[in-house]
Amino acid sequence: MKLLRIGPPGAEVPAASDETGRIYDLSGLTPDIDGSFLASDGIDRVREALSRGTLPAFDIAGLRIGAPVARPGKVVCVGLNYRDHAEETGAPIPPRPVVFMKDPSTVIGPYDRVLIPRNSTKTDWEVELAVVIGREARYLADPADAHEVIAGYAISNDVSEREFQLEYSGQWDLGKSCETFNPLGPWLVTPDEVGDPQALNLRLSVNDEPRQDGKSKDMIFDVAYIVWYLSQFMVLRPGDVINTGTPAGVALGLPGTPYLRAGDTVELTISGLGTQRQTLTSA
């Protein structure tokens, strides 16, 4: 099952897609797709309603698609989680996950404009598999327990300003938390439909020129391990988003490759999770 949110920013309507691709309005079941919805077995209620055939159809033609999760409590990111990406940036292979936080307000819709910050010279792209938490995770006993707390998966673009990230501070926050720097979606796809999260292809192009082409099986730390590991240090709550890292092919790791400029377009695809596309504009 796929969940999505349709409409203008701040006024999105929750919706779901069944196996036929038809879209249904969920506003009679829930005001939004958020932490409260996920924590209250909202996905199970949607499945039941779909099976009964009681949900009204929703024609979304021409309407904006928002991020599939409203108001994440936090966005937790794992850096350098693909060996080829670490190597292209000259970083050592990390012995444990490299964890940083991203301002949750960076989350926008999958086709929304991305703003290049003022004074930016190195705005970069990163296609990533995002994990959305559906149940509280606190000191999980084993990585095998992670599947019980995952609501689903989505495409994430961990947009990054490399000068702000690497030259302005000893931490990465300045280059990761600029306005609009986390397009998410178009869908939140439930685990039963995704299958093995370590068997997905990730691709990204800039102005229709391929830049990234990786496989989630090449993660240094897999999804289950990441969720387990994070739960040892912080409480993961329903609606939280985890960006699990990016494969090689970012501008930072490709000498001579131009960084993003106003008018550029970025397109991201992950198998089974759809496609998102953004146009860059100046802030």
C-alpha atoms as a PDB file:
ATOM      1  CA  MET A   1       0.000   0.000   0.000  1.00  0.00           C
ATOM      2  CA  LYS A   2       1.103   3.544  -0.744  1.00  0.00           C
ATOM      3  CA  LEU A   3       0.170   6.593   1.327  1.00  0.00           C
ATOM      4  CA  LEU A   4       0.414  10.167   0.073  1.00  0.00           C
ATOM      5  CA  ARG A   5      -0.770  13.670   0.845  1.00  0.00           C
ATOM      6  CA  ILE A   6      -2.411  15.901  -1.758  1.00  0.00           C
ATOM      7  CA  GLY A   7      -2.933  19.648  -1.843  1.00  0.00           C
ATOM      8  CA  PRO A   8      -1.290  22.981  -1.051  1.00  0.00           C
ATOM      9  CA  PRO A   9       1.348  23.267   1.703  1.00  0.00           C
ATOM     10  CA  GLY A  10      -0.251  23.112   5.117  1.00  0.00           C
ATOM     11  CA  ALA A  11      -3.607  21.948   3.760  1.00  0.00           C
ATOM     12  CA  GLU A  12      -2.788  18.531   2.336  1.00  0.00           C
ATOM     13  CA  VAL A  13      -5.452  15.811   2.223  1.00  0.00           C
ATOM     14  CA  PRO A  14      -4.401  12.273   3.209  1.00  0.00           C
ATOM     15  CA  ALA A  15      -4.806   9.641   0.520  1.00  0.00           C
ATOM     16  CA  ALA A  16      -3.928   6.042  -0.301  1.00  0.00           C
ATOM     17  CA  SER A  17      -3.257   4.045  -3.438  1.00  0.00           C
ATOM     18  CA  ASP A  18      -4.289   0.391  -3.748  1.00  0.00           C
ATOM     19  CA  GLU A  19      -2.689  -2.335  -5.865  1.00  0.00           C
ATOM     20  CA  THR A  20      -4.560  -1.123  -8.966  1.00  0.00           C
ATOM     21  CA  GLY A  21      -3.098   2.376  -8.667  1.00  0.00           C
ATOM     22  CA  ARG A  22      -6.421   4.017  -7.824  1.00  0.00           C
ATOM     23  CA  ILE A  23      -6.233   6.868  -5.292  1.00  0.00           C
ATOM     24  CA  TYR A  24      -8.653   7.166  -2.391  1.00  0.00           C
ATOM     25  CA  ASP A  25      -9.445  10.013  -0.001  1.00  0.00           C
ATOM     26  CA  LEU A  26      -8.590   9.194   3.639  1.00  0.00           C
ATOM     27  CA  SER A  27      -9.905  12.384   5.210  1.00  0.00           C
ATOM     28  CA  GLY A  28     -12.872  10.459   6.637  1.00  0.00           C
ATOM     29  CA  LEU A  29     -10.437   8.225   8.528  1.00  0.00           C
ATOM     30  CA  THR A  30      -7.766  10.678   9.638  1.00  0.00           C
ATOM     31  CA  PRO A  31      -7.046  14.399   9.413  1.00  0.00           C
ATOM     32  CA  ASP A  32      -3.483  13.694   8.266  1.00  0.00           C
ATOM     33  CA  ILE A  33      -0.706  11.139   7.858  1.00  0.00           C
ATOM     34  CA  ASP A  34       1.458  11.964  10.834  1.00  0.00           C
ATOM     35  CA  GLY A  35       2.919  10.439  13.973  1.00  0.00           C
ATOM     36  CA  SER A  36      -0.466  10.170  15.670  1.00  0.00           C
ATOM     37  CA  PHE A  37      -1.948   8.349  12.695  1.00  0.00           C
ATOM     38  CA  LEU A  38       0.948   5.894  12.534  1.00  0.00           C
ATOM     39  CA  ALA A  39       0.987   5.282  16.288  1.00  0.00           C
ATOM     40  CA  SER A  40      -2.741   4.470  16.367  1.00  0.00           C
ATOM     41  CA  ASP A  41      -2.551   1.636  13.807  1.00  0.00           C
ATOM     42  CA  GLY A  42      -3.736   3.988  11.089  1.00  0.00           C
ATOM     43  CA  ILE A  43      -2.206   1.894   8.329  1.00  0.00           C
ATOM     44  CA  ASP A  44      -4.224  -1.141   9.443  1.00  0.00           C
ATOM     45  CA  ARG A  45      -7.396   0.949   9.440  1.00  0.00           C
ATOM     46  CA  VAL A  46      -6.682   2.115   5.897  1.00  0.00           C
ATOM     47  CA  ARG A  47      -6.111  -1.469   4.759  1.00  0.00           C
ATOM     48  CA  GLU A  48      -9.420  -2.512   6.271  1.00  0.00           C
ATOM     49  CA  ALA A  49     -11.266   0.369   4.627  1.00  0.00           C
ATOM     50  CA  LEU A  50      -9.683  -0.417   1.269  1.00  0.00           C
ATOM     51  CA  SER A  51     -10.726  -4.055   1.547  1.00  0.00           C
ATOM     52  CA  ARG A  52     -14.318  -2.996   2.311  1.00  0.00           C
ATOM     53  CA  GLY A  53     -14.363  -0.640  -0.666  1.00  0.00           C
ATOM     54  CA  THR A  54     -15.816   2.194   1.397  1.00  0.00           C
ATOM     55  CA  LEU A  55     -13.299   4.940   0.635  1.00  0.00           C
ATOM     56  CA  PRO A  56     -14.201   7.657  -1.897  1.00  0.00           C
ATOM     57  CA  ALA A  57     -12.070   7.860  -5.035  1.00  0.00           C
ATOM     58  CA  PHE A  58      -9.759  10.843  -5.360  1.00  0.00           C
ATOM     59  CA  ASP A  59      -8.852  12.449  -8.697  1.00  0.00           C
ATOM     60  CA  ILE A  60      -5.436  14.021  -8.054  1.00  0.00           C
ATOM     61  CA  ALA A  61      -4.759  15.156 -11.627  1.00  0.00           C
ATOM     62  CA  GLY A  62      -3.106  18.574 -11.588  1.00  0.00           C
ATOM     63  CA  LEU A  63      -2.866  18.712  -7.807  1.00  0.00           C
ATOM     64  CA  ARG A  64       0.293  19.151  -5.776  1.00  0.00           C
ATOM     65  CA  ILE A  65       1.734  16.118  -3.989  1.00  0.00           C
ATOM     66  CA  GLY A  66       3.112  16.916  -0.553  1.00  0.00           C
ATOM     67  CA  ALA A  67       5.566  15.014   1.601  1.00  0.00           C
ATOM     68  CA  PRO A  68       3.886  11.708   2.571  1.00  0.00           C
ATOM     69  CA  VAL A  69       4.446  12.330   6.301  1.00  0.00           C
ATOM     70  CA  ALA A  70       3.324  15.519   8.007  1.00  0.00           C
ATOM     71  CA  ARG A  71       5.475  17.273  10.581  1.00  0.00           C
ATOM     72  CA  PRO A  72       8.195  14.696  11.324  1.00  0.00           C
ATOM     73  CA  GLY A  73       9.393  15.025  14.906  1.00  0.00           C
ATOM     74  CA  LYS A  74      12.965  14.625  13.751  1.00  0.00           C
ATOM     75  CA  VAL A  75      14.995  13.753  10.688  1.00  0.00           C
ATOM     76  CA  VAL A  76      17.987  11.594  11.560  1.00  0.00           C
ATOM     77  CA  CYS A  77      20.633  11.086   8.878  1.00  0.00           C
ATOM     78  CA  VAL A  78      23.416   8.567   8.386  1.00  0.00           C
ATOM     79  CA  GLY A  79      26.429   9.861   6.487  1.00  0.00           C
ATOM     80  CA  LEU A  80      29.045   7.966   4.489  1.00  0.00           C
ATOM     81  CA  ASN A  81      26.927   4.799   4.530  1.00  0.00           C
ATOM     82  CA  TYR A  82      27.986   3.597   1.074  1.00  0.00           C
ATOM     83  CA  ARG A  83      31.587   2.534   0.643  1.00  0.00           C
ATOM     84  CA  ASP A  84      31.869   4.097  -2.831  1.00  0.00           C
ATOM     85  CA  HIS A  85      30.529   7.435  -1.537  1.00  0.00           C
ATOM     86  CA  ALA A  86      32.987   7.494   1.360  1.00  0.00           C
ATOM     87  CA  GLU A  87      35.818   6.705  -1.051  1.00  0.00           C
ATOM     88  CA  GLU A  88      34.837   9.387  -3.571  1.00  0.00           C
ATOM     89  CA  THR A  89      34.837  12.052  -0.845  1.00  0.00           C
ATOM     90  CA  GLY A  90      38.179  10.880   0.575  1.00  0.00           C
ATOM     91  CA  ALA A  91      36.650   9.862   3.913  1.00  0.00           C
ATOM     92  CA  PRO A  92      37.648   6.680   5.764  1.00  0.00           C
ATOM     93  CA  ILE A  93      35.125   3.839   5.932  1.00  0.00           C
ATOM     94  CA  PRO A  94      33.300   4.493   9.224  1.00  0.00           C
ATOM     95  CA  PRO A  95      33.511   1.785  11.919  1.00  0.00           C
ATOM     96  CA  ARG A  96      30.037   2.773  13.175  1.00  0.00           C
ATOM     97  CA  PRO A  97      27.214   4.858  11.678  1.00  0.00           C
ATOM     98  CA  VAL A  98      27.971   8.557  11.204  1.00  0.00           C
ATOM     99  CA  VAL A  99      24.878  10.235  12.637  1.00  0.00           C
ATOM    100  CA  PHE A 100      23.689  13.805  12.253  1.00  0.00           C
ATOM    101  CA  MET A 101      20.361  15.602  12.499  1.00  0.00           C
ATOM    102  CA  LYS A 102      18.511  17.639   9.927  1.00  0.00           C
ATOM    103  CA  ASP A 103      15.925  20.323  10.706  1.00  0.00           C
ATOM    104  CA  PRO A 104      12.493  18.651  10.216  1.00  0.00           C
ATOM    105  CA  SER A 105      11.181  21.844   8.622  1.00  0.00           C
ATOM    106  CA  THR A 106      13.404  21.105   5.602  1.00  0.00           C
ATOM    107  CA  VAL A 107      10.913  18.416   4.542  1.00  0.00           C
ATOM    108  CA  ILE A 108       8.922  19.455   1.466  1.00  0.00           C
ATOM    109  CA  GLY A 109       6.984  17.741  -1.294  1.00  0.00           C
ATOM    110  CA  PRO A 110       8.707  15.630  -3.953  1.00  0.00           C
ATOM    111  CA  TYR A 111       8.040  18.120  -6.760  1.00  0.00           C
ATOM    112  CA  ASP A 112       8.373  21.359  -4.799  1.00  0.00           C
ATOM    113  CA  ARG A 113      11.042  23.910  -5.661  1.00  0.00           C
ATOM    114  CA  VAL A 114      14.356  23.649  -3.864  1.00  0.00           C
ATOM    115  CA  LEU A 115      15.861  26.973  -2.835  1.00  0.00           C
ATOM    116  CA  ILE A 116      19.577  27.554  -3.319  1.00  0.00           C
ATOM    117  CA  PRO A 117      20.636  29.448  -0.192  1.00  0.00           C
ATOM    118  CA  ARG A 118      21.997  32.964  -0.398  1.00  0.00           C
ATOM    119  CA  ASN A 119      25.778  32.958  -0.805  1.00  0.00           C
ATOM    120  CA  SER A 120      25.764  29.281  -1.740  1.00  0.00           C
ATOM    121  CA  THR A 121      28.453  28.039  -4.115  1.00  0.00           C
ATOM    122  CA  LYS A 122      28.220  24.275  -3.503  1.00  0.00           C
ATOM    123  CA  THR A 123      24.604  23.089  -3.306  1.00  0.00           C
ATOM    124  CA  ASP A 124      24.700  19.327  -3.897  1.00  0.00           C
ATOM    125  CA  TRP A 125      22.310  16.392  -4.313  1.00  0.00           C
ATOM    126  CA  GLU A 126      21.955  13.021  -2.531  1.00  0.00           C
ATOM    127  CA  VAL A 127      19.400  10.343  -3.392  1.00  0.00           C
ATOM    128  CA  GLU A 128      18.597   8.335  -0.260  1.00  0.00           C
ATOM    129  CA  LEU A 129      16.274   5.639   1.008  1.00  0.00           C
ATOM    130  CA  ALA A 130      14.207   7.134   3.833  1.00  0.00           C
ATOM    131  CA  VAL A 131      12.773   5.023   6.651  1.00  0.00           C
ATOM    132  CA  VAL A 132       9.636   6.275   8.419  1.00  0.00           C
ATOM    133  CA  ILE A 133       9.093   5.080  11.976  1.00  0.00           C
ATOM    134  CA  GLY A 134       5.649   3.744  12.897  1.00  0.00           C
ATOM    135  CA  ARG A 135       6.091   2.657  16.519  1.00  0.00           C
ATOM    136  CA  GLU A 136       8.270   3.903  19.342  1.00  0.00           C
ATOM    137  CA  ALA A 137      11.747   2.376  19.273  1.00  0.00           C
ATOM    138  CA  ARG A 138      13.711   2.584  22.503  1.00  0.00           C
ATOM    139  CA  TYR A 139      16.688   0.315  23.203  1.00  0.00           C
ATOM    140  CA  LEU A 140      15.710  -2.335  20.673  1.00  0.00           C
ATOM    141  CA  ALA A 141      17.238  -5.644  21.737  1.00  0.00           C
ATOM    142  CA  ASP A 142      18.364  -6.715  18.272  1.00  0.00           C
ATOM    143  CA  PRO A 143      18.412  -5.411  14.676  1.00  0.00           C
ATOM    144  CA  ALA A 144      15.876  -8.124  13.849  1.00  0.00           C
ATOM    145  CA  ASP A 145      13.352  -6.149  15.912  1.00  0.00           C
ATOM    146  CA  ALA A 146      13.575  -3.140  13.586  1.00  0.00           C
ATOM    147  CA  HIS A 147      10.911  -4.405  11.177  1.00  0.00           C
ATOM    148  CA  GLU A 148       8.304  -4.099  13.938  1.00  0.00           C
ATOM    149  CA  VAL A 149       8.774  -0.322  14.232  1.00  0.00           C
ATOM    150  CA  ILE A 150       9.042   0.657  10.550  1.00  0.00           C
ATOM    151  CA  ALA A 151       5.905   2.146   8.971  1.00  0.00           C
ATOM    152  CA  GLY A 152       7.347   2.340   5.486  1.00  0.00           C
ATOM    153  CA  TYR A 153       9.869   3.765   3.060  1.00  0.00           C
ATOM    154  CA  ALA A 154      10.163   6.787   0.784  1.00  0.00           C
ATOM    155  CA  ILE A 155      12.598   8.594  -1.501  1.00  0.00           C
ATOM    156  CA  SER A 156      14.569  11.390   0.137  1.00  0.00           C
ATOM    157  CA  ASN A 157      16.816  14.026  -1.424  1.00  0.00           C
ATOM    158  CA  ASP A 158      19.303  15.002   1.281  1.00  0.00           C
ATOM    159  CA  VAL A 159      20.198  18.308  -0.361  1.00  0.00           C
ATOM    160  CA  SER A 160      23.487  19.628   1.058  1.00  0.00           C
ATOM    161  CA  GLU A 161      25.462  22.863   0.820  1.00  0.00           C
ATOM    162  CA  ARG A 162      29.044  21.567   1.009  1.00  0.00           C
ATOM    163  CA  GLU A 163      30.779  24.828   1.867  1.00  0.00           C
ATOM    164  CA  PHE A 164      28.382  25.448   4.752  1.00  0.00           C
ATOM    165  CA  GLN A 165      28.622  21.780   5.776  1.00  0.00           C
ATOM    166  CA  LEU A 166      32.371  21.242   5.702  1.00  0.00           C
ATOM    167  CA  GLU A 167      34.011  24.663   5.947  1.00  0.00           C
ATOM    168  CA  TYR A 168      31.789  26.777   8.195  1.00  0.00           C
ATOM    169  CA  SER A 169      31.478  24.506  11.222  1.00  0.00           C
ATOM    170  CA  GLY A 170      32.865  21.401  12.869  1.00  0.00           C
ATOM    171  CA  GLN A 171      29.402  19.872  12.541  1.00  0.00           C
ATOM    172  CA  TRP A 172      27.327  19.379   9.404  1.00  0.00           C
ATOM    173  CA  ASP A 173      24.104  21.093  10.449  1.00  0.00           C
ATOM    174  CA  LEU A 174      24.610  24.396   8.619  1.00  0.00           C
ATOM    175  CA  GLY A 175      24.913  22.695   5.246  1.00  0.00           C
ATOM    176  CA  LYS A 176      22.122  20.209   5.826  1.00  0.00           C
ATOM    177  CA  SER A 177      19.307  22.260   7.346  1.00  0.00           C
ATOM    178  CA  CYS A 178      18.778  25.041   4.825  1.00  0.00           C
ATOM    179  CA  GLU A 179      15.203  25.791   3.795  1.00  0.00           C
ATOM    180  CA  THR A 180      13.630  23.156   1.463  1.00  0.00           C
ATOM    181  CA  PHE A 181      16.661  20.825   1.764  1.00  0.00           C
ATOM    182  CA  ASN A 182      14.712  17.571   2.167  1.00  0.00           C
ATOM    183  CA  PRO A 183      12.203  16.719  -0.567  1.00  0.00           C
ATOM    184  CA  LEU A 184      10.404  13.536   0.500  1.00  0.00           C
ATOM    185  CA  GLY A 185       8.036  11.204  -1.351  1.00  0.00           C
ATOM    186  CA  PRO A 186       5.948  10.944  -3.444  1.00  0.00           C
ATOM    187  CA  TRP A 187       4.699   7.988  -1.413  1.00  0.00           C
ATOM    188  CA  LEU A 188       5.151   6.297   1.904  1.00  0.00           C
ATOM    189  CA  VAL A 189       5.254   2.661   0.797  1.00  0.00           C
ATOM    190  CA  THR A 190       4.503  -0.001   3.395  1.00  0.00           C
ATOM    191  CA  PRO A 191       7.119  -2.696   4.089  1.00  0.00           C
ATOM    192  CA  ASP A 192       5.005  -5.526   2.699  1.00  0.00           C
ATOM    193  CA  GLU A 193       5.006  -3.856  -0.712  1.00  0.00           C
ATOM    194  CA  VAL A 194       8.692  -2.869  -0.626  1.00  0.00           C
ATOM    195  CA  GLY A 195       9.977  -6.307   0.341  1.00  0.00           C
ATOM    196  CA  ASP A 196      13.700  -6.399   1.066  1.00  0.00           C
ATOM    197  CA  PRO A 197      14.901  -2.798   1.634  1.00  0.00           C
ATOM    198  CA  GLN A 198      18.436  -3.967   0.781  1.00  0.00           C
ATOM    199  CA  ALA A 199      17.384  -4.919  -2.764  1.00  0.00           C
ATOM    200  CA  LEU A 200      16.511  -1.498  -4.173  1.00  0.00           C
ATOM    201  CA  ASN A 201      18.090   0.528  -6.973  1.00  0.00           C
ATOM    202  CA  LEU A 202      18.714   4.242  -6.384  1.00  0.00           C
ATOM    203  CA  ARG A 203      19.226   6.662  -9.277  1.00  0.00           C
ATOM    204  CA  LEU A 204      19.577  10.427  -9.652  1.00  0.00           C
ATOM    205  CA  SER A 205      20.065  12.671 -12.656  1.00  0.00           C
ATOM    206  CA  VAL A 206      20.784  16.387 -12.994  1.00  0.00           C
ATOM    207  CA  ASN A 207      19.332  18.090 -16.064  1.00  0.00           C
ATOM    208  CA  ASP A 208      18.607  14.544 -17.351  1.00  0.00           C
ATOM    209  CA  GLU A 209      22.292  13.569 -17.079  1.00  0.00           C
ATOM    210  CA  PRO A 210      22.824  10.486 -14.862  1.00  0.00           C
ATOM    211  CA  ARG A 211      24.856  11.184 -11.725  1.00  0.00           C
ATOM    212  CA  GLN A 212      24.048   8.482  -9.169  1.00  0.00           C
ATOM    213  CA  ASP A 213      23.291   4.808  -9.776  1.00  0.00           C
ATOM    214  CA  GLY A 214      23.560   2.641  -6.674  1.00  0.00           C
ATOM    215  CA  LYS A 215      22.028  -0.293  -4.855  1.00  0.00           C
ATOM    216  CA  SER A 216      20.825  -0.375  -1.267  1.00  0.00           C
ATOM    217  CA  LYS A 217      22.565  -3.734  -0.804  1.00  0.00           C
ATOM    218  CA  ASP A 218      25.821  -1.768  -0.833  1.00  0.00           C
ATOM    219  CA  MET A 219      25.042   0.067   2.406  1.00  0.00           C
ATOM    220  CA  ILE A 220      27.783  -0.338   4.994  1.00  0.00           C
ATOM    221  CA  PHE A 221      25.124  -0.502   7.723  1.00  0.00           C
ATOM    222  CA  ASP A 222      21.784  -1.904   6.609  1.00  0.00           C
ATOM    223  CA  VAL A 223      18.361  -0.520   7.498  1.00  0.00           C
ATOM    224  CA  ALA A 224      17.715  -2.901  10.399  1.00  0.00           C
ATOM    225  CA  TYR A 225      21.087  -2.172  11.957  1.00  0.00           C
ATOM    226  CA  ILE A 226      20.632   1.588  11.611  1.00  0.00           C
ATOM    227  CA  VAL A 227      17.236   1.558  13.334  1.00  0.00           C
ATOM    228  CA  TRP A 228      18.550  -0.678  16.118  1.00  0.00           C
ATOM    229  CA  TYR A 229      21.707   1.432  16.523  1.00  0.00           C
ATOM    230  CA  LEU A 230      19.853   4.738  16.716  1.00  0.00           C
ATOM    231  CA  SER A 231      17.448   3.332  19.301  1.00  0.00           C
ATOM    232  CA  GLN A 232      20.381   2.814  21.649  1.00  0.00           C
ATOM    233  CA  PHE A 233      21.010   6.592  21.750  1.00  0.00           C
ATOM    234  CA  MET A 234      17.645   8.271  21.128  1.00  0.00           C
ATOM    235  CA  VAL A 235      13.975   7.402  21.231  1.00  0.00           C
ATOM    236  CA  LEU A 236      12.589   6.999  17.726  1.00  0.00           C
ATOM    237  CA  ARG A 237       8.935   7.992  17.599  1.00  0.00           C
ATOM    238  CA  PRO A 238       6.147   7.538  15.053  1.00  0.00           C
ATOM    239  CA  GLY A 239       6.573   9.929  12.150  1.00  0.00           C
ATOM    240  CA  ASP A 240      10.335  10.303  12.558  1.00  0.00           C
ATOM    241  CA  VAL A 241      12.328  10.022   9.332  1.00  0.00           C
ATOM    242  CA  ILE A 242      15.729   8.363   8.908  1.00  0.00           C
ATOM    243  CA  ASN A 243      17.820   9.147   5.826  1.00  0.00           C
ATOM    244  CA  THR A 244      20.053   6.115   5.345  1.00  0.00           C
ATOM    245  CA  GLY A 245      22.881   7.502   3.204  1.00  0.00           C
ATOM    246  CA  THR A 246      23.711   8.031  -0.462  1.00  0.00           C
ATOM    247  CA  PRO A 247      25.754   6.142  -3.055  1.00  0.00           C
ATOM    248  CA  ALA A 248      28.585   7.631  -5.090  1.00  0.00           C
ATOM    249  CA  GLY A 249      27.980  10.310  -7.685  1.00  0.00           C
ATOM    250  CA  VAL A 250      27.549  13.562  -5.764  1.00  0.00           C
ATOM    251  CA  ALA A 251      29.176  16.748  -7.025  1.00  0.00           C
ATOM    252  CA  LEU A 252      31.498  16.787  -4.016  1.00  0.00           C
ATOM    253  CA  GLY A 253      33.053  13.538  -5.201  1.00  0.00           C
ATOM    254  CA  LEU A 254      33.189  14.311  -8.933  1.00  0.00           C
ATOM    255  CA  PRO A 255      35.959  16.841  -9.657  1.00  0.00           C
ATOM    256  CA  GLY A 256      34.914  19.291 -12.332  1.00  0.00           C
ATOM    257  CA  THR A 257      31.215  18.518 -11.941  1.00  0.00           C
ATOM    258  CA  PRO A 258      29.222  21.720 -11.434  1.00  0.00           C
ATOM    259  CA  TYR A 259      27.167  22.171  -8.307  1.00  0.00           C
ATOM    260  CA  LEU A 260      23.485  23.034  -8.596  1.00  0.00           C
ATOM    261  CA  ARG A 261      22.403  26.394  -9.952  1.00  0.00           C
ATOM    262  CA  ALA A 262      19.056  28.124 -10.415  1.00  0.00           C
ATOM    263  CA  GLY A 263      17.129  26.494 -13.245  1.00  0.00           C
ATOM    264  CA  ASP A 264      18.676  23.064 -12.816  1.00  0.00           C
ATOM    265  CA  THR A 265      16.394  20.068 -12.407  1.00  0.00           C
ATOM    266  CA  VAL A 266      17.097  16.997 -10.296  1.00  0.00           C
ATOM    267  CA  GLU A 267      15.220  13.710 -10.731  1.00  0.00           C
ATOM    268  CA  LEU A 268      15.406  10.840  -8.221  1.00  0.00           C
ATOM    269  CA  THR A 269      14.083   7.285  -8.500  1.00  0.00           C
ATOM    270  CA  ILE A 270      14.151   4.293  -6.152  1.00  0.00           C
ATOM    271  CA  SER A 271      12.698   1.018  -7.362  1.00  0.00           C
ATOM    272  CA  GLY A 272       9.187   0.532  -6.015  1.00  0.00           C
ATOM    273  CA  LEU A 273       9.091   3.964  -4.368  1.00  0.00           C
ATOM    274  CA  GLY A 274       8.368   6.157  -7.393  1.00  0.00           C
ATOM    275  CA  THR A 275      10.092   9.247  -8.739  1.00  0.00           C
ATOM    276  CA  GLN A 276      10.533  12.813  -7.543  1.00  0.00           C
ATOM    277  CA  ARG A 277      11.726  15.845  -9.480  1.00  0.00           C
ATOM    278  CA  GLN A 278      12.715  19.329  -8.331  1.00  0.00           C
ATOM    279  CA  THR A 279      13.671  22.540 -10.037  1.00  0.00           C
ATOM    280  CA  LEU A 280      16.254  24.718  -8.278  1.00  0.00           C
ATOM    281  CA  THR A 281      15.649  28.410  -7.727  1.00  0.00           C
ATOM    282  CA  SER A 282      17.473  31.151  -5.839  1.00  0.00           C
ATOM    283  CA  ALA A 283      16.354  31.960  -2.307  1.00  0.00           C
END
